[in-house]
């Protein structure tokens, strides 16, 4: 039985593992259910098999960073928060990002302003506002779900996919660390977990842990299983022929669009109103009020409790923020926060 696929470049992933574990720096509902791996609503697990990349692909995953912005005019909190892909990209072989993302520049501005805050309360409000829009790493994989209950019929199906598994940096770090091994943590080197004959299924284990007065999903118990064959040769060929284009998931908006979304987030303009012109800027008191409202809003649950944000190094001239936003009045509003 022969397979046509791209074997893992273990040395490249070893470097990736070192970077990600280095603590020195820092569509419609039915379509979604058909495309993405469904994790348990409460505690539980899902067993998946990561599929390798096609010939010529360096990694079998795709990465991005996202920003979470709100639309205060939407009453339902489920739909109030929106996700935008960061315009900045990671510099290959490093943990640094570069680019012209306006949201990242505003994020850094909030942190700089917090350093000059006149009171601890003002400092905390500025830093909380920054954490709310901080860039967050996301990683996408093609995989087969070993067992899944059909959303419509309720029937349990086997080897469903290919589907897209999306995870954060903690699970990503666990995956690459398992591939390369970690002598300090006593973790053995598993090697090519995507190999069709000797690869391994991955058990995604979800636990709920409390942090303060909030609960967060935690995936620390997730792990690779024993070696196994992915499936029959015909199944494997069919799955490889139907891989999702993971890179296409990173849909980048223009800075003009991100600026509009940022102003909606700050309450400076109302999206969907009679006139959404960027020149319609609210007064300082309303902007400040919106930021305070946003700070107290219950955050979206993440894989682990948020750590204090670190300002990443972003190349480019920070003085061009006013030009990117569109006018000097906007910068005056930001300075008044």
Protein backbone atom coordinates (compact mmCIF):
# COMPACT_ATOMS: atom_id res chain seq x y z
CA UNK A 1 0.00 0.00 0.00
CA UNK A 2 1.60 3.25 -1.17
CA UNK A 3 0.70 6.78 -0.15
CA UNK A 4 1.45 10.10 -1.81
CA UNK A 5 1.91 12.80 0.81
CA UNK A 6 4.47 15.20 2.25
CA UNK A 7 6.44 13.70 5.19
CA UNK A 8 6.96 16.01 8.16
CA UNK A 9 10.11 18.11 8.27
CA UNK A 10 10.96 17.26 11.88
CA UNK A 11 13.88 19.70 12.02
CA UNK A 12 11.65 22.60 10.95
CA UNK A 13 9.03 21.65 13.52
CA UNK A 14 11.74 21.31 16.17
CA UNK A 15 12.59 24.97 15.62
CA UNK A 16 8.88 25.84 15.75
CA UNK A 17 8.52 23.91 19.00
CA UNK A 18 11.44 25.80 20.52
CA UNK A 19 9.88 29.11 19.53
CA UNK A 20 6.40 28.38 20.76
CA UNK A 21 7.58 27.01 24.12
CA UNK A 22 10.02 29.87 24.72
CA UNK A 23 8.65 32.04 27.51
CA UNK A 24 11.08 34.88 26.84
CA UNK A 25 8.62 36.74 24.59
CA UNK A 26 5.64 36.76 23.84
CA UNK A 27 -20.76 31.30 7.47
CA UNK A 28 -23.90 29.99 8.58
CA UNK A 29 -24.35 27.65 11.49
CA UNK A 30 -24.91 24.50 9.41
CA UNK A 31 -21.94 25.28 7.17
CA UNK A 32 -19.81 25.83 10.27
CA UNK A 33 -20.88 22.47 11.74
CA UNK A 34 -20.11 20.72 8.46
CA UNK A 35 -16.66 22.30 8.11
CA UNK A 36 -15.19 22.54 11.62
CA UNK A 37 -14.54 20.02 14.38
CA UNK A 38 -17.26 20.31 17.01
CA UNK A 39 -15.90 20.28 20.54
CA UNK A 40 -18.05 19.23 23.53
CA UNK A 41 -20.19 21.99 24.98
CA UNK A 42 -19.17 20.91 28.46
CA UNK A 43 -16.41 18.49 29.47
CA UNK A 44 -15.56 15.63 27.13
CA UNK A 45 -13.28 14.61 24.28
CA UNK A 46 -13.07 14.30 20.49
CA UNK A 47 -10.72 11.91 18.68
CA UNK A 48 -9.22 13.23 15.45
CA UNK A 49 -6.49 12.24 13.00
CA UNK A 50 -4.44 15.09 11.55
CA UNK A 51 -3.93 14.79 7.80
CA UNK A 52 -0.56 15.65 6.24
CA UNK A 53 -0.05 18.54 3.88
CA UNK A 54 0.17 18.13 0.14
CA UNK A 55 3.50 17.93 -1.63
CA UNK A 56 5.51 21.11 -1.20
CA UNK A 57 3.85 22.34 2.00
CA UNK A 58 6.29 23.02 4.84
CA UNK A 59 3.79 22.54 7.67
CA UNK A 60 0.52 20.63 7.83
CA UNK A 61 -1.22 23.55 9.54
CA UNK A 62 -1.94 27.22 8.85
CA UNK A 63 -1.60 30.05 11.34
CA UNK A 64 -3.12 33.46 11.82
CA UNK A 65 -3.79 36.04 14.52
CA UNK A 66 -7.20 37.51 15.20
CA UNK A 67 -8.64 40.57 16.93
CA UNK A 68 -11.99 40.54 18.72
CA UNK A 69 -14.06 43.72 18.33
CA UNK A 70 -17.59 44.49 19.43
CA UNK A 71 -20.57 46.23 17.90
CA UNK A 72 -22.23 47.93 20.92
CA UNK A 73 -25.43 48.59 18.93
CA UNK A 74 -26.22 44.84 18.81
CA UNK A 75 -28.22 43.79 21.85
CA UNK A 76 -27.57 40.04 21.67
CA UNK A 77 -24.11 39.38 23.21
CA UNK A 78 -23.74 36.26 21.04
CA UNK A 79 -23.57 38.40 17.92
CA UNK A 80 -22.05 41.54 19.40
CA UNK A 81 -18.46 40.31 19.19
CA UNK A 82 -16.78 39.96 15.79
CA UNK A 83 -13.44 38.50 14.76
CA UNK A 84 -11.00 40.09 12.31
CA UNK A 85 -7.77 38.58 11.03
CA UNK A 86 -4.70 40.63 11.93
CA UNK A 87 -2.92 42.22 8.98
CA UNK A 88 0.49 41.58 10.54
CA UNK A 89 2.37 38.37 9.75
CA UNK A 90 4.98 36.42 11.67
CA UNK A 91 8.59 36.89 10.61
CA UNK A 92 9.74 33.41 9.61
CA UNK A 93 11.90 31.71 12.21
CA UNK A 94 10.99 34.19 14.95
CA UNK A 95 8.16 35.03 17.33
CA UNK A 96 7.96 38.62 16.06
CA UNK A 97 5.29 40.06 13.79
CA UNK A 98 5.48 42.88 11.27
CA UNK A 99 2.98 44.77 9.17
CA UNK A 100 0.65 47.75 9.14
CA UNK A 101 -2.33 46.47 11.18
CA UNK A 102 -4.18 49.50 12.54
CA UNK A 103 -5.69 47.48 15.41
CA UNK A 104 -2.24 46.36 16.55
CA UNK A 105 -1.04 49.95 16.49
CA UNK A 106 -4.00 51.09 18.56
CA UNK A 107 -3.39 48.16 20.93
CA UNK A 108 0.19 49.33 21.44
CA UNK A 109 -0.97 52.92 21.89
CA UNK A 110 -3.29 51.89 24.73
CA UNK A 111 -0.36 50.20 26.49
CA UNK A 112 1.89 53.23 26.02
CA UNK A 113 -0.85 55.48 27.35
CA UNK A 114 -1.31 53.21 30.37
CA UNK A 115 2.34 53.77 31.29
CA UNK A 116 1.59 57.50 31.57
CA UNK A 117 -1.77 57.06 33.32
CA UNK A 118 -2.57 59.49 36.13
CA UNK A 119 -4.14 56.88 38.40
CA UNK A 120 -4.19 53.12 38.92
CA UNK A 121 -7.84 53.06 37.88
CA UNK A 122 -7.11 54.79 34.59
CA UNK A 123 -4.13 52.49 34.02
CA UNK A 124 -6.22 49.37 34.57
CA UNK A 125 -9.00 50.65 32.27
CA UNK A 126 -6.53 51.32 29.47
CA UNK A 127 -4.82 47.95 29.90
CA UNK A 128 -8.17 46.12 30.02
CA UNK A 129 -9.24 47.88 26.81
CA UNK A 130 -5.93 46.78 25.24
CA UNK A 131 -6.36 43.16 26.34
CA UNK A 132 -9.84 43.10 24.81
CA UNK A 133 -8.45 43.72 21.30
CA UNK A 134 -5.05 42.03 21.62
CA UNK A 135 -3.97 39.81 18.72
CA UNK A 136 -4.58 36.17 19.54
CA UNK A 137 -2.92 33.26 17.75
CA UNK A 138 -5.10 30.68 15.98
CA UNK A 139 -4.02 27.51 14.16
CA UNK A 140 -5.93 25.43 11.62
CA UNK A 141 -5.53 21.74 10.75
CA UNK A 142 -7.15 19.34 8.30
CA UNK A 143 -8.28 16.25 10.15
CA UNK A 144 -10.64 13.29 10.22
CA UNK A 145 -13.06 13.03 13.14
CA UNK A 146 -13.07 9.38 14.22
CA UNK A 147 -16.62 9.45 15.61
CA UNK A 148 -19.24 12.18 15.37
CA UNK A 149 -22.97 12.41 15.89
CA UNK A 150 -24.73 13.88 12.85
CA UNK A 151 -26.21 17.27 13.77
CA UNK A 152 -29.48 16.65 11.88
CA UNK A 153 -30.15 12.90 12.07
CA UNK A 154 -28.45 12.15 15.38
CA UNK A 155 -26.75 9.15 13.73
CA UNK A 156 -23.18 8.41 14.85
CA UNK A 157 -20.79 8.42 11.90
CA UNK A 158 -17.20 7.23 11.67
CA UNK A 159 -14.19 8.90 10.01
CA UNK A 160 -15.95 12.15 9.13
CA UNK A 161 -14.11 14.74 7.10
CA UNK A 162 -11.84 16.24 6.21
CA UNK A 163 -12.81 18.85 8.77
CA UNK A 164 -10.97 21.87 10.11
CA UNK A 165 -9.71 21.85 13.67
CA UNK A 166 -9.05 25.32 15.08
CA UNK A 167 -7.07 25.80 18.27
CA UNK A 168 -5.09 28.36 20.24
CA UNK A 169 -1.44 28.57 21.11
CA UNK A 170 -1.56 26.19 24.10
CA UNK A 171 -2.84 23.19 22.11
CA UNK A 172 -0.61 24.16 19.18
CA UNK A 173 2.41 24.11 21.46
CA UNK A 174 1.42 20.69 22.79
CA UNK A 175 1.14 19.30 19.24
CA UNK A 176 4.55 20.50 18.01
CA UNK A 177 6.19 19.59 21.33
CA UNK A 178 4.80 16.05 21.05
CA UNK A 179 6.19 15.70 17.53
CA UNK A 180 9.70 16.78 18.51
CA UNK A 181 9.77 15.61 22.12
CA UNK A 182 10.91 17.60 25.15
CA UNK A 183 13.72 16.16 27.22
CA UNK A 184 13.25 18.66 30.05
CA UNK A 185 9.59 17.68 30.44
CA UNK A 186 10.25 13.99 29.90
CA UNK A 187 8.13 13.87 26.75
CA UNK A 188 9.21 11.36 24.11
CA UNK A 189 9.66 12.29 20.44
CA UNK A 190 6.64 10.94 18.53
CA UNK A 191 7.87 11.98 15.10
CA UNK A 192 5.55 12.18 12.09
CA UNK A 193 2.09 11.95 13.67
CA UNK A 194 0.51 12.45 10.24
CA UNK A 195 2.14 9.38 8.66
CA UNK A 196 -0.63 7.28 7.06
CA UNK A 197 0.78 4.00 8.41
CA UNK A 198 2.52 4.91 11.68
CA UNK A 199 0.86 8.19 12.63
CA UNK A 200 -1.32 8.78 15.67
CA UNK A 201 -4.82 9.95 16.47
CA UNK A 202 -5.07 13.03 18.71
CA UNK A 203 -7.47 13.01 21.66
CA UNK A 204 -8.76 16.54 22.29
CA UNK A 205 -9.77 16.54 25.96
CA UNK A 206 -11.83 19.44 27.24
CA UNK A 207 -12.01 20.21 30.97
CA UNK A 208 -13.63 23.19 32.66
CA UNK A 209 -11.47 25.05 35.15
CA UNK A 210 -12.32 28.01 37.34
CA UNK A 211 -10.27 31.19 37.45
CA UNK A 212 -11.60 33.71 39.93
CA UNK A 213 -15.32 34.01 39.27
CA UNK A 214 -15.07 32.71 35.70
CA UNK A 215 -14.85 29.29 34.06
CA UNK A 216 -12.55 28.52 31.15
CA UNK A 217 -12.11 25.49 28.90
CA UNK A 218 -8.76 23.79 29.43
CA UNK A 219 -7.09 21.30 27.05
CA UNK A 220 -3.99 20.30 29.05
CA UNK A 221 -5.00 16.61 29.07
CA UNK A 222 -5.13 16.39 25.26
CA UNK A 223 -2.64 13.88 23.88
CA UNK A 224 -1.68 11.63 20.97
CA UNK A 225 -2.75 7.97 21.02
CA UNK A 226 -0.72 4.90 20.04
CA UNK A 227 0.43 4.48 16.43
CA UNK A 228 -2.24 3.33 13.98
CA UNK A 229 -3.06 3.21 10.27
CA UNK A 230 -5.05 6.25 9.13
CA UNK A 231 -7.48 4.17 7.08
CA UNK A 232 -7.57 2.30 3.80
CA UNK A 233 -5.58 3.54 0.81
CA UNK A 234 -8.80 4.55 -0.96
CA UNK A 235 -10.04 6.47 2.08
CA UNK A 236 -6.72 8.27 2.44
CA UNK A 237 -6.64 9.28 -1.24
CA UNK A 238 -10.20 10.58 -0.99
CA UNK A 239 -9.40 12.60 2.14
CA UNK A 240 -6.26 14.07 0.59
CA UNK A 241 -8.21 15.02 -2.54
CA UNK A 242 -10.67 16.96 -0.39
CA UNK A 243 -8.34 18.85 1.96
CA UNK A 244 -9.51 22.33 2.91
CA UNK A 245 -7.37 25.25 1.75
CA UNK A 246 -6.31 26.35 5.21
CA UNK A 247 -4.50 29.47 3.98
CA UNK A 248 -7.77 30.77 2.50
CA UNK A 249 -9.26 30.97 6.01
CA UNK A 250 -7.13 34.04 6.68
CA UNK A 251 -9.29 36.70 5.01
CA UNK A 252 -7.58 40.06 5.41
CA UNK A 253 -9.59 43.28 5.54
CA UNK A 254 -8.20 46.63 4.45
CA UNK A 255 -7.05 49.10 7.10
CA UNK A 256 -9.98 51.29 6.09
CA UNK A 257 -12.40 48.47 6.96
CA UNK A 258 -10.56 47.73 10.21
CA UNK A 259 -10.64 51.42 11.11
CA UNK A 260 -14.40 51.47 10.67
CA UNK A 261 -14.76 48.35 12.81
CA UNK A 262 -12.51 49.90 15.47
CA UNK A 263 -14.62 53.07 15.55
CA UNK A 264 -17.78 50.96 15.89
CA UNK A 265 -16.10 49.06 18.73
CA UNK A 266 -15.29 52.36 20.49
CA UNK A 267 -18.82 53.68 19.97
CA UNK A 268 -17.65 56.56 17.76
CA UNK A 269 -19.93 55.55 14.89
CA UNK A 270 -22.98 53.34 14.68
CA UNK A 271 -22.76 50.61 12.08
CA UNK A 272 -25.92 50.23 10.08
CA UNK A 273 -27.20 53.73 10.87
CA UNK A 274 -28.38 56.32 8.37
CA UNK A 275 -24.87 57.68 7.94
CA UNK A 276 -21.77 55.65 8.77
CA UNK A 277 -19.33 58.30 7.56
CA UNK A 278 -15.95 58.17 9.26
CA UNK A 279 -16.24 61.89 9.94
CA UNK A 280 -19.01 61.27 12.48
CA UNK A 281 -17.00 61.21 15.69
CA UNK A 282 -18.71 61.30 19.05
CA UNK A 283 -17.50 63.49 21.88
CA UNK A 284 -14.82 62.45 24.37
CA UNK A 285 -17.22 61.62 27.16
CA UNK A 286 -19.09 59.09 25.03
CA UNK A 287 -15.89 57.43 23.87
CA UNK A 288 -14.58 57.18 27.41
CA UNK A 289 -17.91 55.78 28.56
CA UNK A 290 -17.83 53.14 25.86
CA UNK A 291 -14.34 52.04 26.81
CA UNK A 292 -15.41 51.67 30.44
CA UNK A 293 -18.47 49.66 29.34
CA UNK A 294 -16.27 47.45 27.23
CA UNK A 295 -13.81 46.87 30.07
CA UNK A 296 -16.55 45.52 32.33
CA UNK A 297 -18.07 43.32 29.64
CA UNK A 298 -17.72 39.57 30.29
CA UNK A 299 -14.87 38.32 28.11
CA UNK A 300 -15.22 35.50 25.59
CA UNK A 301 -14.09 32.18 27.06
CA UNK A 302 -10.66 31.11 25.94
CA UNK A 303 -8.56 27.99 26.38
CA UNK A 304 -6.93 29.26 29.56
CA UNK A 305 -7.27 32.29 31.76
CA UNK A 306 -5.75 35.33 30.10
CA UNK A 307 -2.26 36.26 31.18
CA UNK A 308 -1.19 39.89 31.39
CA UNK A 309 -0.71 41.01 27.82
CA UNK A 310 2.74 41.81 26.49
CA UNK A 311 3.25 44.38 23.77
CA UNK A 312 4.84 42.61 20.81
CA UNK A 313 7.47 44.27 18.63
CA UNK A 314 5.79 45.48 15.45
CA UNK A 315 7.93 46.99 12.76
CA UNK A 316 6.88 50.28 11.20
CA UNK A 317 6.46 53.91 12.06
CA UNK A 318 4.05 54.28 14.96
CA UNK A 319 3.57 57.96 14.13
CA UNK A 320 1.51 57.06 11.06
CA UNK A 321 -1.43 55.87 13.19
CA UNK A 322 -3.35 59.11 12.66
CA UNK A 323 -2.97 58.91 8.89
CA UNK A 324 -4.06 55.28 8.84
CA UNK A 325 -7.12 56.07 10.92
CA UNK A 326 -8.13 58.84 8.59
CA UNK A 327 -8.08 62.14 10.43
CA UNK A 328 -6.53 64.03 13.34
CA UNK A 329 -9.83 64.30 15.20
CA UNK A 330 -9.82 60.57 15.72
CA UNK A 331 -6.38 60.70 17.30
CA UNK A 332 -7.54 63.44 19.62
CA UNK A 333 -10.37 61.14 20.68
CA UNK A 334 -7.90 58.33 21.36
CA UNK A 335 -5.64 60.60 23.35
CA UNK A 336 -8.60 61.59 25.49
CA UNK A 337 -9.26 58.04 26.65
